């Protein structure tokens, strides 16, 4: 049976590109962020929206590699792998970055759709202390957390009016 896997796919999809009950999905939130703030931060020490997108890609790639049985794949927290330094200098670069995020999400769906049954979710992730159900539910939580960060950055930059003409008041 694939009932649990299908439920996880549905949840991943709803949070990523659907209409979750709490507000915007990841992609809806990113569609509303103009590229000119993709590389800006509220304060110098914080991450930009582009860096958050890079971070989301990194952890979706981690999940894909683990689902492909790559037990040696890892990401060290707070490193360049975890938080890539991404600059967005044009609308084209911003769209390319969002396409990479969509591609990473699509790979997760593909692998999950290939799984034979729900027993996959209780299998231990190679090289980790948790199972695939925990990993996949963590991805859902991770997306929700970062939607909030993106919204906060967007609202703070709107308030500061960093780039006049970017946001209509």
N, C-alpha and C. Protein backbone atom coordinates (compact mmCIF):
# COMPACT_ATOMS: atom_id res chain seq x y z
N UNK A 1 0.82 -1.19 0.00
CA UNK A 1 0.00 0.00 0.00
C UNK A 1 0.87 1.25 0.00
N UNK A 2 0.37 2.28 -0.64
CA UNK A 2 1.09 3.55 -0.71
C UNK A 2 0.28 4.70 -0.13
N UNK A 3 -0.60 4.40 0.79
CA UNK A 3 -1.48 5.43 1.33
C UNK A 3 -0.69 6.50 2.09
N UNK A 4 0.23 6.10 2.94
CA UNK A 4 1.01 7.07 3.72
C UNK A 4 1.95 7.86 2.81
N UNK A 5 2.56 7.20 1.85
CA UNK A 5 3.45 7.90 0.91
C UNK A 5 2.65 8.93 0.12
N UNK A 6 1.46 8.55 -0.34
CA UNK A 6 0.64 9.50 -1.08
C UNK A 6 0.22 10.68 -0.20
N UNK A 7 -0.02 10.45 1.07
CA UNK A 7 -0.37 11.54 1.99
C UNK A 7 0.82 12.48 2.17
N UNK A 8 2.02 11.94 2.26
CA UNK A 8 3.21 12.78 2.39
C UNK A 8 3.42 13.59 1.10
N UNK A 9 3.24 12.95 -0.04
CA UNK A 9 3.36 13.67 -1.31
C UNK A 9 2.34 14.81 -1.36
N UNK A 10 1.11 14.53 -0.94
CA UNK A 10 0.07 15.56 -0.93
C UNK A 10 0.46 16.72 0.00
N UNK A 11 0.98 16.41 1.16
CA UNK A 11 1.39 17.46 2.10
C UNK A 11 2.57 18.26 1.57
N UNK A 12 3.56 17.56 1.03
CA UNK A 12 4.71 18.26 0.44
C UNK A 12 4.25 19.20 -0.67
N UNK A 13 3.36 18.72 -1.52
CA UNK A 13 2.86 19.50 -2.64
C UNK A 13 2.04 20.70 -2.17
N UNK A 14 1.17 20.48 -1.19
CA UNK A 14 0.34 21.58 -0.68
C UNK A 14 1.20 22.70 -0.11
N UNK A 15 2.21 22.35 0.67
CA UNK A 15 3.09 23.34 1.29
C UNK A 15 3.96 24.02 0.23
N UNK A 16 4.40 23.27 -0.76
CA UNK A 16 5.33 23.79 -1.75
C UNK A 16 4.66 24.62 -2.84
N UNK A 17 3.53 24.11 -3.38
CA UNK A 17 2.93 24.80 -4.52
C UNK A 17 1.42 24.90 -4.46
N UNK A 18 0.85 24.45 -3.36
CA UNK A 18 -0.60 24.43 -3.26
C UNK A 18 -1.18 25.61 -2.51
N UNK A 19 -2.24 25.33 -1.77
CA UNK A 19 -2.95 26.36 -1.01
C UNK A 19 -3.12 25.88 0.43
N UNK A 20 -2.05 25.93 1.23
CA UNK A 20 -2.17 25.48 2.62
C UNK A 20 -3.13 26.38 3.41
N UNK A 21 -3.70 25.84 4.46
CA UNK A 21 -4.72 26.55 5.23
C UNK A 21 -4.21 27.84 5.85
N UNK A 22 -2.92 27.94 6.12
CA UNK A 22 -2.37 29.08 6.87
C UNK A 22 -1.96 30.25 5.99
N UNK A 23 -1.95 30.08 4.68
CA UNK A 23 -1.54 31.19 3.81
C UNK A 23 -0.82 30.70 2.57
N UNK A 24 0.23 31.41 2.20
CA UNK A 24 0.95 31.12 0.96
C UNK A 24 1.82 29.87 1.04
N UNK A 25 1.91 29.18 -0.09
CA UNK A 25 2.86 28.08 -0.24
C UNK A 25 4.24 28.68 -0.53
N UNK A 26 5.25 27.84 -0.56
CA UNK A 26 6.61 28.31 -0.85
C UNK A 26 6.64 29.05 -2.18
N UNK A 27 6.13 28.42 -3.23
CA UNK A 27 6.22 29.04 -4.56
C UNK A 27 5.34 30.27 -4.68
N UNK A 28 4.18 30.28 -4.06
CA UNK A 28 3.33 31.47 -4.10
C UNK A 28 4.05 32.63 -3.41
N UNK A 29 4.68 32.34 -2.28
CA UNK A 29 5.42 33.38 -1.56
C UNK A 29 6.56 33.90 -2.43
N UNK A 30 7.29 33.00 -3.09
CA UNK A 30 8.42 33.43 -3.92
C UNK A 30 7.97 34.17 -5.17
N UNK A 31 6.79 33.83 -5.70
CA UNK A 31 6.26 34.55 -6.86
C UNK A 31 6.02 36.02 -6.54
N UNK A 32 5.74 36.30 -5.29
CA UNK A 32 5.44 37.67 -4.87
C UNK A 32 6.68 38.46 -4.44
N UNK A 33 7.84 37.81 -4.46
CA UNK A 33 9.08 38.49 -4.09
C UNK A 33 9.79 38.93 -5.37
N UNK A 34 9.92 40.23 -5.60
CA UNK A 34 10.65 40.68 -6.79
C UNK A 34 12.14 40.38 -6.67
N UNK A 35 12.79 40.11 -7.78
CA UNK A 35 14.19 39.71 -7.76
C UNK A 35 15.08 40.75 -7.08
N UNK A 36 14.70 42.01 -7.11
CA UNK A 36 15.57 43.04 -6.55
C UNK A 36 15.69 42.97 -5.04
N UNK A 37 14.81 42.20 -4.39
CA UNK A 37 15.05 41.98 -2.96
C UNK A 37 15.54 40.57 -2.68
N UNK A 38 15.68 39.77 -3.71
CA UNK A 38 16.14 38.40 -3.53
C UNK A 38 17.51 38.31 -2.88
N UNK A 39 18.33 39.32 -3.08
CA UNK A 39 19.68 39.29 -2.53
C UNK A 39 19.85 40.22 -1.34
N UNK A 40 18.79 40.90 -0.92
CA UNK A 40 18.89 41.85 0.19
C UNK A 40 18.54 41.17 1.52
N UNK A 41 19.03 41.76 2.59
CA UNK A 41 18.71 41.28 3.92
C UNK A 41 18.17 42.44 4.75
N UNK A 42 17.50 42.11 5.82
CA UNK A 42 16.97 43.14 6.72
C UNK A 42 18.10 43.76 7.54
N UNK A 43 19.00 42.92 7.97
CA UNK A 43 20.19 43.36 8.70
C UNK A 43 21.38 42.61 8.11
N UNK A 44 22.57 43.15 8.20
CA UNK A 44 23.73 42.53 7.53
C UNK A 44 23.99 41.07 7.91
N UNK A 45 23.68 40.67 9.12
CA UNK A 45 23.99 39.31 9.58
C UNK A 45 22.94 38.27 9.17
N UNK A 46 21.83 38.70 8.61
CA UNK A 46 20.77 37.74 8.29
C UNK A 46 20.94 37.20 6.87
N UNK A 47 20.18 36.16 6.59
CA UNK A 47 20.20 35.55 5.26
C UNK A 47 19.26 36.29 4.32
N UNK A 48 19.61 36.29 3.05
CA UNK A 48 18.74 36.86 2.02
C UNK A 48 17.72 35.80 1.60
N UNK A 49 16.70 36.23 0.88
CA UNK A 49 15.72 35.29 0.36
C UNK A 49 16.41 34.29 -0.58
N UNK A 50 17.34 34.77 -1.40
CA UNK A 50 18.07 33.88 -2.31
C UNK A 50 18.85 32.82 -1.53
N UNK A 51 19.47 33.21 -0.43
CA UNK A 51 20.19 32.24 0.39
C UNK A 51 19.24 31.23 1.01
N UNK A 52 18.06 31.68 1.41
CA UNK A 52 17.07 30.75 1.95
C UNK A 52 16.64 29.75 0.87
N UNK A 53 16.45 30.24 -0.34
CA UNK A 53 16.09 29.33 -1.44
C UNK A 53 17.23 28.33 -1.67
N UNK A 54 18.47 28.79 -1.65
CA UNK A 54 19.61 27.88 -1.78
C UNK A 54 19.64 26.85 -0.67
N UNK A 55 19.31 27.27 0.53
CA UNK A 55 19.24 26.39 1.70
C UNK A 55 18.14 25.34 1.51
N UNK A 56 16.98 25.75 1.02
CA UNK A 56 15.91 24.80 0.74
C UNK A 56 16.34 23.78 -0.30
N UNK A 57 17.01 24.24 -1.34
CA UNK A 57 17.52 23.33 -2.38
C UNK A 57 18.50 22.33 -1.77
N UNK A 58 19.39 22.82 -0.91
CA UNK A 58 20.39 21.95 -0.29
C UNK A 58 19.74 20.80 0.48
N UNK A 59 18.72 21.13 1.27
CA UNK A 59 18.11 20.09 2.10
C UNK A 59 17.16 19.20 1.31
N UNK A 60 16.58 19.69 0.23
CA UNK A 60 15.79 18.82 -0.64
C UNK A 60 16.74 17.85 -1.36
N UNK A 61 17.90 18.35 -1.76
CA UNK A 61 18.92 17.49 -2.38
C UNK A 61 19.40 16.44 -1.39
N UNK A 62 19.59 16.82 -0.13
CA UNK A 62 19.96 15.87 0.92
C UNK A 62 18.94 14.74 0.97
N UNK A 63 17.64 15.09 1.01
CA UNK A 63 16.59 14.07 1.07
C UNK A 63 16.64 13.16 -0.15
N UNK A 64 16.83 13.74 -1.33
CA UNK A 64 16.91 12.94 -2.56
C UNK A 64 18.07 11.96 -2.47
N UNK A 65 19.23 12.45 -2.09
CA UNK A 65 20.41 11.58 -1.99
C UNK A 65 20.18 10.45 -0.99
N UNK A 66 19.57 10.75 0.13
CA UNK A 66 19.30 9.72 1.14
C UNK A 66 18.28 8.71 0.61
N UNK A 67 17.27 9.17 -0.11
CA UNK A 67 16.28 8.25 -0.68
C UNK A 67 16.89 7.39 -1.79
N UNK A 68 17.98 7.87 -2.38
CA UNK A 68 18.70 7.09 -3.39
C UNK A 68 19.76 6.21 -2.76
N UNK A 69 19.69 6.05 -1.43
CA UNK A 69 20.57 5.17 -0.65
C UNK A 69 22.02 5.66 -0.58
N UNK A 70 22.23 6.95 -0.72
CA UNK A 70 23.57 7.52 -0.59
C UNK A 70 23.82 7.82 0.89
N UNK A 71 24.26 6.79 1.63
CA UNK A 71 24.45 6.93 3.08
C UNK A 71 25.58 7.88 3.43
N UNK A 72 26.49 8.14 2.50
CA UNK A 72 27.63 9.01 2.77
C UNK A 72 27.33 10.49 2.54
N UNK A 73 26.22 10.79 1.91
CA UNK A 73 25.89 12.19 1.64
C UNK A 73 25.51 12.88 2.95
N UNK A 74 26.10 14.03 3.18
CA UNK A 74 25.74 14.77 4.39
C UNK A 74 25.93 16.26 4.16
N UNK A 75 25.33 17.03 5.04
CA UNK A 75 25.49 18.47 5.04
C UNK A 75 25.83 18.87 6.46
N UNK A 76 26.92 19.58 6.60
CA UNK A 76 27.28 20.09 7.92
C UNK A 76 26.53 21.40 8.15
N UNK A 77 25.86 21.47 9.28
CA UNK A 77 25.06 22.65 9.62
C UNK A 77 25.94 23.90 9.65
N UNK A 78 25.38 25.01 9.17
CA UNK A 78 26.03 26.32 9.16
C UNK A 78 27.33 26.37 8.34
N UNK A 79 27.36 25.61 7.27
CA UNK A 79 28.48 25.66 6.33
C UNK A 79 28.00 26.22 5.01
N UNK A 80 28.90 26.36 4.07
CA UNK A 80 28.56 26.82 2.72
C UNK A 80 27.58 25.86 2.05
N UNK A 81 27.68 24.56 2.35
CA UNK A 81 26.74 23.59 1.79
C UNK A 81 25.33 23.81 2.33
N UNK A 82 25.24 24.15 3.60
CA UNK A 82 23.97 24.37 4.27
C UNK A 82 23.35 25.71 3.85
N UNK A 83 24.15 26.73 3.82
CA UNK A 83 23.70 28.09 3.47
C UNK A 83 24.57 28.63 2.34
N UNK A 84 24.30 28.24 1.10
CA UNK A 84 25.10 28.72 -0.02
C UNK A 84 25.01 30.24 -0.16
N UNK A 85 26.12 30.84 -0.52
CA UNK A 85 26.16 32.28 -0.76
C UNK A 85 25.69 32.52 -2.19
N UNK A 86 24.46 32.95 -2.33
CA UNK A 86 23.85 33.12 -3.65
C UNK A 86 23.54 34.59 -3.86
N UNK A 87 23.99 35.10 -4.98
CA UNK A 87 23.67 36.47 -5.37
C UNK A 87 22.70 36.42 -6.54
N UNK A 88 21.70 37.26 -6.49
CA UNK A 88 20.72 37.37 -7.56
C UNK A 88 20.82 38.79 -8.10
N UNK A 89 21.28 38.90 -9.33
CA UNK A 89 21.51 40.23 -9.92
C UNK A 89 20.59 40.56 -11.08
N UNK A 90 19.68 39.65 -11.39
CA UNK A 90 18.76 39.91 -12.50
C UNK A 90 17.51 39.06 -12.34
N UNK A 91 16.48 39.43 -13.05
CA UNK A 91 15.24 38.65 -13.03
C UNK A 91 15.49 37.25 -13.57
N UNK A 92 16.37 37.13 -14.55
CA UNK A 92 16.69 35.81 -15.11
C UNK A 92 17.35 34.92 -14.07
N UNK A 93 18.29 35.46 -13.32
CA UNK A 93 18.95 34.67 -12.26
C UNK A 93 17.95 34.26 -11.19
N UNK A 94 17.03 35.15 -10.84
CA UNK A 94 16.00 34.84 -9.85
C UNK A 94 15.10 33.71 -10.34
N UNK A 95 14.68 33.77 -11.61
CA UNK A 95 13.84 32.71 -12.17
C UNK A 95 14.60 31.39 -12.25
N UNK A 96 15.88 31.44 -12.60
CA UNK A 96 16.71 30.22 -12.64
C UNK A 96 16.81 29.57 -11.27
N UNK A 97 16.99 30.39 -10.24
CA UNK A 97 17.10 29.86 -8.87
C UNK A 97 15.78 29.19 -8.46
N UNK A 98 14.67 29.82 -8.78
CA UNK A 98 13.37 29.23 -8.44
C UNK A 98 13.15 27.93 -9.22
N UNK A 99 13.63 27.87 -10.46
CA UNK A 99 13.51 26.63 -11.25
C UNK A 99 14.32 25.50 -10.61
N UNK A 100 15.48 25.83 -10.07
CA UNK A 100 16.30 24.81 -9.39
C UNK A 100 15.55 24.27 -8.16
N UNK A 101 14.87 25.15 -7.46
CA UNK A 101 14.09 24.72 -6.30
C UNK A 101 12.96 23.79 -6.73
N UNK A 102 12.26 24.14 -7.78
CA UNK A 102 11.18 23.29 -8.30
C UNK A 102 11.72 21.94 -8.74
N UNK A 103 12.88 21.94 -9.39
CA UNK A 103 13.49 20.68 -9.85
C UNK A 103 13.84 19.78 -8.66
N UNK A 104 14.38 20.37 -7.60
CA UNK A 104 14.72 19.59 -6.40
C UNK A 104 13.46 18.98 -5.79
N UNK A 105 12.39 19.75 -5.73
CA UNK A 105 11.11 19.25 -5.19
C UNK A 105 10.57 18.14 -6.09
N UNK A 106 10.67 18.32 -7.38
CA UNK A 106 10.16 17.31 -8.33
C UNK A 106 10.88 15.99 -8.18
N UNK A 107 12.18 16.03 -7.92
CA UNK A 107 12.94 14.79 -7.72
C UNK A 107 12.42 14.02 -6.51
N UNK A 108 12.01 14.74 -5.47
CA UNK A 108 11.44 14.09 -4.28
C UNK A 108 10.16 13.36 -4.68
N UNK A 109 9.27 14.03 -5.41
CA UNK A 109 8.02 13.40 -5.85
C UNK A 109 8.30 12.15 -6.68
N UNK A 110 9.24 12.26 -7.61
CA UNK A 110 9.56 11.12 -8.48
C UNK A 110 10.00 9.91 -7.68
N UNK A 111 10.90 10.13 -6.74
CA UNK A 111 11.41 9.00 -5.94
C UNK A 111 10.30 8.42 -5.08
N UNK A 112 9.51 9.26 -4.46
CA UNK A 112 8.42 8.75 -3.63
C UNK A 112 7.40 7.98 -4.45
N UNK A 113 7.11 8.42 -5.65
CA UNK A 113 6.16 7.71 -6.50
C UNK A 113 6.69 6.36 -6.95
N UNK A 114 8.03 6.21 -6.95
CA UNK A 114 8.65 4.93 -7.33
C UNK A 114 8.64 3.92 -6.19
N UNK A 115 8.48 4.38 -4.96
CA UNK A 115 8.53 3.47 -3.81
C UNK A 115 7.39 2.45 -3.89
N UNK A 116 7.72 1.22 -3.50
CA UNK A 116 6.74 0.15 -3.62
C UNK A 116 5.58 0.26 -2.63
N UNK A 117 5.89 0.59 -1.38
CA UNK A 117 4.83 0.66 -0.39
C UNK A 117 5.25 1.52 0.81
N UNK A 118 4.31 1.65 1.74
CA UNK A 118 4.52 2.51 2.90
C UNK A 118 5.62 2.04 3.83
N UNK A 119 6.05 0.80 3.71
CA UNK A 119 7.12 0.30 4.59
C UNK A 119 8.41 1.11 4.40
N UNK A 120 8.57 1.76 3.26
CA UNK A 120 9.73 2.61 3.02
C UNK A 120 9.87 3.68 4.10
N UNK A 121 8.74 4.20 4.57
CA UNK A 121 8.76 5.29 5.54
C UNK A 121 9.36 4.89 6.88
N UNK A 122 9.31 3.62 7.21
CA UNK A 122 9.87 3.16 8.48
C UNK A 122 11.31 2.67 8.36
N UNK A 123 11.85 2.70 7.15
CA UNK A 123 13.25 2.31 6.95
C UNK A 123 14.17 3.42 7.45
N UNK A 124 15.26 3.00 8.07
CA UNK A 124 16.22 3.95 8.60
C UNK A 124 16.96 4.63 7.44
N UNK A 125 17.17 5.92 7.58
CA UNK A 125 17.93 6.69 6.60
C UNK A 125 19.40 6.33 6.77
N UNK A 126 20.06 5.95 5.69
CA UNK A 126 21.46 5.55 5.74
C UNK A 126 22.35 6.64 6.33
N UNK A 127 23.13 6.27 7.35
CA UNK A 127 24.05 7.21 7.97
C UNK A 127 23.40 8.13 8.98
N UNK A 128 22.10 7.94 9.26
CA UNK A 128 21.37 8.81 10.20
C UNK A 128 20.69 7.96 11.27
N UNK A 129 20.14 8.62 12.27
CA UNK A 129 19.49 7.93 13.39
C UNK A 129 17.97 7.98 13.30
N UNK A 130 17.42 8.28 12.14
CA UNK A 130 15.98 8.42 11.99
C UNK A 130 15.53 7.72 10.71
N UNK A 131 14.20 7.60 10.57
CA UNK A 131 13.65 6.93 9.39
C UNK A 131 13.18 7.94 8.34
N UNK A 132 12.75 7.41 7.19
CA UNK A 132 12.35 8.28 6.09
C UNK A 132 11.06 9.05 6.38
N UNK A 133 10.17 8.49 7.17
CA UNK A 133 8.97 9.22 7.55
C UNK A 133 9.34 10.49 8.32
N UNK A 134 10.28 10.37 9.23
CA UNK A 134 10.75 11.51 10.01
C UNK A 134 11.42 12.55 9.11
N UNK A 135 12.25 12.09 8.19
CA UNK A 135 12.93 12.98 7.25
C UNK A 135 11.92 13.75 6.40
N UNK A 136 10.96 13.07 5.85
CA UNK A 136 10.00 13.71 4.95
C UNK A 136 9.07 14.66 5.69
N UNK A 137 8.65 14.28 6.88
CA UNK A 137 7.85 15.21 7.68
C UNK A 137 8.69 16.42 8.09
N UNK A 138 9.97 16.21 8.30
CA UNK A 138 10.87 17.32 8.60
C UNK A 138 10.98 18.28 7.42
N UNK A 139 10.97 17.77 6.20
CA UNK A 139 11.00 18.65 5.03
C UNK A 139 9.76 19.54 4.97
N UNK A 140 8.63 18.99 5.32
CA UNK A 140 7.39 19.77 5.35
C UNK A 140 7.53 20.90 6.36
N UNK A 141 7.98 20.57 7.56
CA UNK A 141 8.16 21.57 8.61
C UNK A 141 9.20 22.61 8.21
N UNK A 142 10.25 22.16 7.56
CA UNK A 142 11.34 23.04 7.11
C UNK A 142 10.81 24.07 6.12
N UNK A 143 10.01 23.64 5.16
CA UNK A 143 9.42 24.57 4.19
C UNK A 143 8.54 25.60 4.89
N UNK A 144 7.71 25.14 5.81
CA UNK A 144 6.81 26.07 6.52
C UNK A 144 7.62 27.11 7.29
N UNK A 145 8.64 26.67 7.98
CA UNK A 145 9.50 27.58 8.75
C UNK A 145 10.09 28.67 7.86
N UNK A 146 10.62 28.25 6.70
CA UNK A 146 11.28 29.21 5.83
C UNK A 146 10.30 30.08 5.05
N UNK A 147 9.06 29.63 4.85
CA UNK A 147 8.04 30.53 4.29
C UNK A 147 7.89 31.73 5.22
N UNK A 148 7.87 31.47 6.51
CA UNK A 148 7.76 32.55 7.48
C UNK A 148 8.94 33.50 7.43
N UNK A 149 10.14 32.96 7.29
CA UNK A 149 11.32 33.83 7.18
C UNK A 149 11.25 34.71 5.94
N UNK A 150 10.87 34.12 4.84
CA UNK A 150 10.77 34.88 3.59
C UNK A 150 9.73 36.00 3.75
N UNK A 151 8.60 35.67 4.35
CA UNK A 151 7.57 36.68 4.58
C UNK A 151 8.05 37.80 5.48
N UNK A 152 8.82 37.46 6.50
CA UNK A 152 9.36 38.47 7.41
C UNK A 152 10.34 39.40 6.67
N UNK A 153 11.23 38.82 5.90
CA UNK A 153 12.19 39.64 5.13
C UNK A 153 11.43 40.56 4.17
N UNK A 154 10.47 39.99 3.47
CA UNK A 154 9.69 40.78 2.52
C UNK A 154 8.99 41.94 3.22
N UNK A 155 8.35 41.67 4.35
CA UNK A 155 7.62 42.74 5.04
C UNK A 155 8.57 43.79 5.61
N UNK A 156 9.72 43.39 6.10
CA UNK A 156 10.68 44.35 6.63
C UNK A 156 11.25 45.23 5.53
N UNK A 157 11.54 44.64 4.39
CA UNK A 157 12.08 45.43 3.28
C UNK A 157 11.01 46.36 2.70
N UNK A 158 9.77 45.92 2.68
CA UNK A 158 8.69 46.82 2.25
C UNK A 158 8.61 48.01 3.19
N UNK A 159 8.71 47.74 4.47
CA UNK A 159 8.59 48.80 5.47
C UNK A 159 9.74 49.80 5.33
N UNK A 160 10.94 49.29 5.05
CA UNK A 160 12.10 50.17 4.90
C UNK A 160 12.10 50.89 3.57
N UNK A 161 11.31 50.37 2.62
CA UNK A 161 11.26 50.95 1.28
C UNK A 161 12.67 51.08 0.70
N UNK A 162 13.41 50.00 0.77
CA UNK A 162 14.80 50.00 0.32
C UNK A 162 14.92 50.37 -1.15
N UNK A 163 14.05 49.84 -1.96
CA UNK A 163 14.10 50.14 -3.39
C UNK A 163 12.80 50.82 -3.77
N UNK A 164 12.82 52.11 -3.90
CA UNK A 164 11.59 52.82 -4.26
C UNK A 164 11.11 52.32 -5.62
N UNK A 165 9.82 52.13 -5.73
CA UNK A 165 9.23 51.65 -6.97
C UNK A 165 9.09 50.14 -7.02
N UNK A 166 9.75 49.40 -6.13
CA UNK A 166 9.64 47.96 -6.14
C UNK A 166 8.30 47.53 -5.58
N UNK A 167 7.93 48.12 -4.45
CA UNK A 167 6.67 47.78 -3.83
C UNK A 167 5.74 48.98 -3.93
N UNK A 168 4.52 48.72 -4.34
CA UNK A 168 3.55 49.81 -4.42
C UNK A 168 2.90 49.98 -3.05
N UNK A 169 2.81 51.21 -2.60
CA UNK A 169 2.18 51.47 -1.31
C UNK A 169 0.75 51.91 -1.47
